[in-house]
Amino acid sequence: MKLLHNDYFQLAVRLIMGGLFLYAGLGKIIAPLDFAASMYNYKLLPDELIGPVAVAIPWIETLAGICLLLGFNTKGGSLAIAGLLTMFIIILIISAVRGLDVDCGCFSGVERTVGFLAIFEDLAMLAGALFLLYFDRVKLTPLAALTGKNKS
């Protein structure tokens, strides 16, 4: 259990989660029509909501990822990511039960289809977000790790 309170472990989880969500968000910001098409394929939202949701989600992912990477407002970033992942997991489960064979639209340039592997991966990321929400003390930032100075 010492690992959960280790500053370097917390920083590593923050950097991995922040990097993943920064990458996911920026990919969708750069190609918003691709993300909107992925959302349309799920057939869960009215057409009128696909555009606004396809614009909002990537910015939330990007900002939350930046927060985690910089060690700024990590609780807010972790909470946003946990909320998004919970929503994504529910959507993946519904789509898997419905037998949809569509690209999840999660990461640009990565083939990831709806199914139990995607659900498991999102559950693992949710565990990371919840870990940060409950255990991360942000005593170590990337800059502090490089310079050897801990955050006070």
Protein backbone atom coordinates (compact mmCIF):
# COMPACT_ATOMS: atom_id res chain seq x y z
CA MET A 1 0.00 0.00 0.00
CA LYS A 2 3.03 2.29 0.21
CA LEU A 3 2.94 2.50 -3.57
CA LEU A 4 -0.39 4.37 -3.47
CA HIS A 5 1.25 7.18 -1.47
CA ASN A 6 4.51 7.29 -3.44
CA ASP A 7 4.96 10.72 -5.05
CA TYR A 8 6.68 9.29 -8.13
CA PHE A 9 3.95 6.69 -8.66
CA GLN A 10 1.30 9.39 -8.36
CA LEU A 11 3.21 11.54 -10.85
CA ALA A 12 3.52 8.60 -13.27
CA VAL A 13 -0.23 7.92 -13.13
CA ARG A 14 -0.94 11.63 -13.58
CA LEU A 15 1.36 11.84 -16.60
CA ILE A 16 -0.08 8.71 -18.22
CA MET A 17 -3.69 9.75 -17.67
CA GLY A 18 -3.00 13.36 -18.64
CA GLY A 19 -1.14 12.30 -21.77
CA LEU A 20 -3.88 9.89 -22.83
CA PHE A 21 -6.62 12.48 -22.45
CA LEU A 22 -4.60 15.28 -24.03
CA TYR A 23 -3.94 13.01 -27.03
CA ALA A 24 -7.59 11.89 -27.20
CA GLY A 25 -8.92 15.43 -26.93
CA LEU A 26 -6.53 17.04 -29.41
CA GLY A 27 -7.20 14.33 -31.98
CA LYS A 28 -10.92 15.07 -31.80
CA ILE A 29 -10.37 18.84 -31.88
CA ILE A 30 -8.26 18.49 -35.02
CA ALA A 31 -10.80 16.16 -36.73
CA PRO A 32 -14.20 17.12 -35.28
CA LEU A 33 -16.19 15.63 -38.15
CA ASP A 34 -14.61 12.21 -37.60
CA PHE A 35 -15.58 12.31 -33.93
CA ALA A 36 -19.09 13.50 -34.80
CA ALA A 37 -19.41 10.61 -37.26
CA SER A 38 -18.32 8.16 -34.57
CA MET A 39 -20.91 9.61 -32.21
CA TYR A 40 -23.58 9.32 -34.90
CA ASN A 41 -22.76 5.62 -35.39
CA TYR A 42 -23.72 4.88 -31.79
CA LYS A 43 -27.29 6.06 -32.51
CA LEU A 44 -27.75 7.23 -28.91
CA LEU A 45 -28.11 11.01 -29.31
CA PRO A 46 -30.57 13.07 -31.30
CA ASP A 47 -28.90 14.48 -34.40
CA GLU A 48 -29.23 18.03 -33.04
CA LEU A 49 -26.99 17.21 -30.06
CA ILE A 50 -24.20 15.43 -31.92
CA GLY A 51 -22.47 18.65 -33.04
CA PRO A 52 -22.44 20.43 -29.67
CA VAL A 53 -21.42 17.28 -27.80
CA ALA A 54 -18.73 16.48 -30.39
CA VAL A 55 -17.29 19.96 -29.80
CA ALA A 56 -17.55 19.98 -25.98
CA ILE A 57 -16.13 16.55 -25.11
CA PRO A 58 -12.71 17.03 -26.77
CA TRP A 59 -12.17 20.34 -24.98
CA ILE A 60 -13.08 18.81 -21.63
CA GLU A 61 -10.67 15.92 -22.31
CA THR A 62 -7.90 18.29 -23.38
CA LEU A 63 -8.25 20.66 -20.44
CA ALA A 64 -8.50 17.80 -17.94
CA GLY A 65 -5.39 16.21 -19.49
CA ILE A 66 -3.47 19.49 -19.23
CA CYS A 67 -4.49 19.83 -15.57
CA LEU A 68 -3.11 16.39 -14.80
CA LEU A 69 0.08 16.93 -16.77
CA LEU A 70 0.84 20.22 -15.04
CA GLY A 71 -0.31 19.15 -11.58
CA PHE A 72 -2.83 22.00 -11.52
CA ASN A 73 -6.39 21.37 -10.27
CA THR A 74 -5.78 17.64 -10.46
CA LYS A 75 -8.91 16.87 -8.45
CA GLY A 76 -11.05 18.71 -10.99
CA GLY A 77 -9.23 17.09 -13.90
CA SER A 78 -9.53 13.64 -12.35
CA LEU A 79 -13.21 14.15 -11.61
CA ALA A 80 -13.89 15.30 -15.20
CA ILE A 81 -12.02 12.29 -16.60
CA ALA A 82 -13.78 9.89 -14.22
CA GLY A 83 -17.15 11.32 -15.28
CA LEU A 84 -16.31 11.04 -18.97
CA LEU A 85 -15.03 7.50 -18.56
CA THR A 86 -18.15 6.46 -16.67
CA MET A 87 -20.24 7.83 -19.53
CA PHE A 88 -18.01 6.14 -22.13
CA ILE A 89 -18.20 2.79 -20.32
CA ILE A 90 -22.00 2.96 -20.20
CA ILE A 91 -22.11 3.81 -23.92
CA LEU A 92 -19.72 0.95 -24.73
CA ILE A 93 -21.78 -1.53 -22.71
CA ILE A 94 -25.03 -0.42 -24.35
CA SER A 95 -23.43 -0.62 -27.79
CA ALA A 96 -21.88 -4.04 -27.13
CA VAL A 97 -25.21 -5.41 -25.92
CA ARG A 98 -26.85 -3.98 -29.06
CA GLY A 99 -24.22 -5.79 -31.15
CA LEU A 100 -22.81 -2.66 -32.78
CA ASP A 101 -19.55 -3.16 -34.63
CA VAL A 102 -18.30 0.44 -34.85
CA ASP A 103 -15.09 2.29 -34.14
CA CYS A 104 -15.37 3.83 -30.69
CA GLY A 105 -13.93 7.18 -31.83
CA CYS A 106 -11.77 7.38 -28.72
CA PHE A 107 -8.28 8.05 -30.09
CA SER A 108 -7.35 9.47 -33.49
CA GLY A 109 -5.39 7.04 -35.60
CA VAL A 110 -6.11 4.09 -33.28
CA GLU A 111 -8.47 1.33 -34.39
CA ARG A 112 -10.55 0.58 -31.31
CA THR A 113 -13.94 -1.02 -31.78
CA VAL A 114 -16.82 -1.34 -29.36
CA GLY A 115 -16.47 -4.49 -27.29
CA PHE A 116 -15.31 -5.97 -24.05
CA LEU A 117 -11.65 -5.07 -24.60
CA ALA A 118 -12.56 -1.38 -24.96
CA ILE A 119 -14.75 -1.65 -21.85
CA PHE A 120 -11.88 -3.23 -19.89
CA GLU A 121 -9.45 -0.55 -21.08
CA ASP A 122 -11.85 2.20 -20.04
CA LEU A 123 -12.34 0.52 -16.65
CA ALA A 124 -8.56 0.51 -16.18
CA MET A 125 -8.43 4.23 -17.05
CA LEU A 126 -11.34 4.87 -14.67
CA ALA A 127 -9.33 3.15 -11.93
CA GLY A 128 -6.46 5.55 -12.71
CA ALA A 129 -8.74 8.59 -12.57
CA LEU A 130 -10.29 7.44 -9.28
CA PHE A 131 -6.83 6.73 -7.86
CA LEU A 132 -5.80 10.31 -8.65
CA LEU A 133 -9.04 11.68 -7.26
CA TYR A 134 -8.63 9.94 -3.92
CA PHE A 135 -4.87 9.52 -3.41
CA ASP A 136 -2.94 12.10 -5.42
CA ARG A 137 -1.46 14.82 -3.21
CA VAL A 138 0.36 16.63 -6.04
CA LYS A 139 3.56 16.90 -4.08
CA LEU A 140 5.55 16.30 -7.23
CA THR A 141 5.08 18.03 -10.57
CA PRO A 142 6.93 17.25 -13.81
CA LEU A 143 9.10 20.35 -13.37
CA ALA A 144 9.88 19.45 -9.76
CA ALA A 145 10.77 15.89 -10.79
CA LEU A 146 13.22 17.21 -13.39
CA THR A 147 14.79 19.82 -11.13
CA GLY A 148 14.72 17.70 -7.97
CA LYS A 149 12.59 20.25 -6.09
CA ASN A 150 9.40 18.98 -4.44
CA LYS A 151 6.29 21.14 -4.43
CA SER A 152 5.66 22.70 -1.02
